[in-house]
Amino acid sequence: MPKKVPNENVPSVAVETIACIQSIQVELDLGLMDTEVKGDALTVIKKLLHEREDKSEIVALIRDGKCLGKQFCTCIFK
C-alpha cells in the first residue's frame, strides 16, 4: 500500500473544496436530481452560497462547484 505524503503546497481549503466537488459529481453520476451538500469547511460552503464571483485562490474550484450544483433540480449547500 502506498504511503500517503501530505502536499504542503496545496492549501487545506482547496482539498476541502475538491472533496466537495467530487461528492457532487458522484451524486450526478448516480442520476440523483436533488442533493444536500454538507461540509465541515465553513469557508467552502459560504463561498458556494455567495452569488458574487469569488476572488480567492480557489476561484476555479468554487466556480466548478456552483456549475455542478446547477445541474440538480434542488441543491442545498449547508
Protein backbone atom coordinates (compact mmCIF):
# COMPACT_ATOMS: atom_id res chain seq x y z
CA MET A 1 0.00 0.00 0.00
CA PRO A 2 1.49 3.38 -0.98
CA LYS A 3 2.38 5.77 1.79
CA LYS A 4 0.35 8.98 1.82
CA VAL A 5 2.52 12.07 1.86
CA PRO A 6 0.82 15.42 2.51
CA ASN A 7 1.45 18.03 -0.14
CA GLU A 8 2.27 21.19 1.75
CA ASN A 9 1.84 23.24 -1.43
CA VAL A 10 -1.91 22.62 -1.62
CA PRO A 11 -3.98 24.77 0.76
CA SER A 12 -6.31 22.78 3.02
CA VAL A 13 -9.28 24.81 1.77
CA ALA A 14 -8.51 23.58 -1.76
CA VAL A 15 -8.51 19.98 -0.54
CA GLU A 16 -11.88 20.50 1.17
CA THR A 17 -13.29 22.11 -1.99
CA ILE A 18 -12.09 19.26 -4.20
CA ALA A 19 -13.70 16.73 -1.84
CA CYS A 20 -16.97 18.67 -2.01
CA ILE A 21 -16.88 18.83 -5.82
CA GLN A 22 -16.14 15.11 -6.05
CA SER A 23 -19.12 14.27 -3.84
CA ILE A 24 -21.38 16.43 -6.02
CA GLN A 25 -20.04 14.73 -9.16
CA VAL A 26 -20.70 11.27 -7.73
CA GLU A 27 -24.31 12.22 -7.00
CA LEU A 28 -24.73 13.49 -10.56
CA ASP A 29 -23.17 10.30 -11.93
CA LEU A 30 -25.69 8.28 -9.90
CA GLY A 31 -28.52 10.23 -11.54
CA LEU A 32 -29.74 11.95 -8.39
CA MET A 33 -31.87 15.03 -9.02
CA ASP A 34 -31.87 16.54 -5.52
CA THR A 35 -28.96 16.91 -3.13
CA GLU A 36 -27.95 18.48 0.13
CA VAL A 37 -24.23 19.16 0.41
CA LYS A 38 -22.95 19.38 3.95
CA GLY A 39 -19.37 20.26 4.72
CA ASP A 40 -17.03 20.69 7.63
CA ALA A 41 -15.25 23.53 5.87
CA LEU A 42 -17.44 26.54 6.57
CA THR A 43 -15.32 28.67 4.22
CA VAL A 44 -16.11 26.41 1.26
CA ILE A 45 -19.85 26.29 1.97
CA LYS A 46 -20.00 30.09 2.36
CA LYS A 47 -18.22 30.58 -0.96
CA LEU A 48 -20.59 28.16 -2.70
CA LEU A 49 -23.59 30.03 -1.30
CA HIS A 50 -22.48 33.53 -2.36
CA GLU A 51 -23.83 34.85 -5.65
CA ARG A 52 -20.87 37.11 -6.33
CA GLU A 53 -17.68 35.94 -8.02
CA ASP A 54 -15.13 34.51 -5.62
CA LYS A 55 -11.68 36.14 -5.74
CA SER A 56 -9.76 33.66 -3.60
CA GLU A 57 -7.10 31.16 -4.60
CA ILE A 58 -9.79 28.53 -5.13
CA VAL A 59 -11.92 30.60 -7.52
CA ALA A 60 -11.89 27.95 -10.27
CA LEU A 61 -12.91 25.20 -7.86
CA ILE A 62 -15.76 27.30 -6.44
CA ARG A 63 -16.96 28.07 -9.98
CA ASP A 64 -16.92 24.35 -10.79
CA GLY A 65 -18.88 23.53 -7.64
CA LYS A 66 -21.52 26.14 -8.44
CA CYS A 67 -21.86 24.86 -12.03
CA LEU A 68 -22.29 21.29 -10.84
CA GLY A 69 -24.87 22.38 -8.28
CA LYS A 70 -26.97 23.99 -11.00
CA GLN A 71 -27.44 20.61 -12.70
CA PHE A 72 -29.70 19.40 -9.86
CA CYS A 73 -33.37 20.22 -9.52
CA THR A 74 -32.61 21.07 -5.89
CA CYS A 75 -29.13 21.65 -4.49
CA ILE A 76 -28.72 22.93 -0.95
CA PHE A 77 -25.30 23.79 0.49
CA LYS A 78 -25.17 23.55 4.30
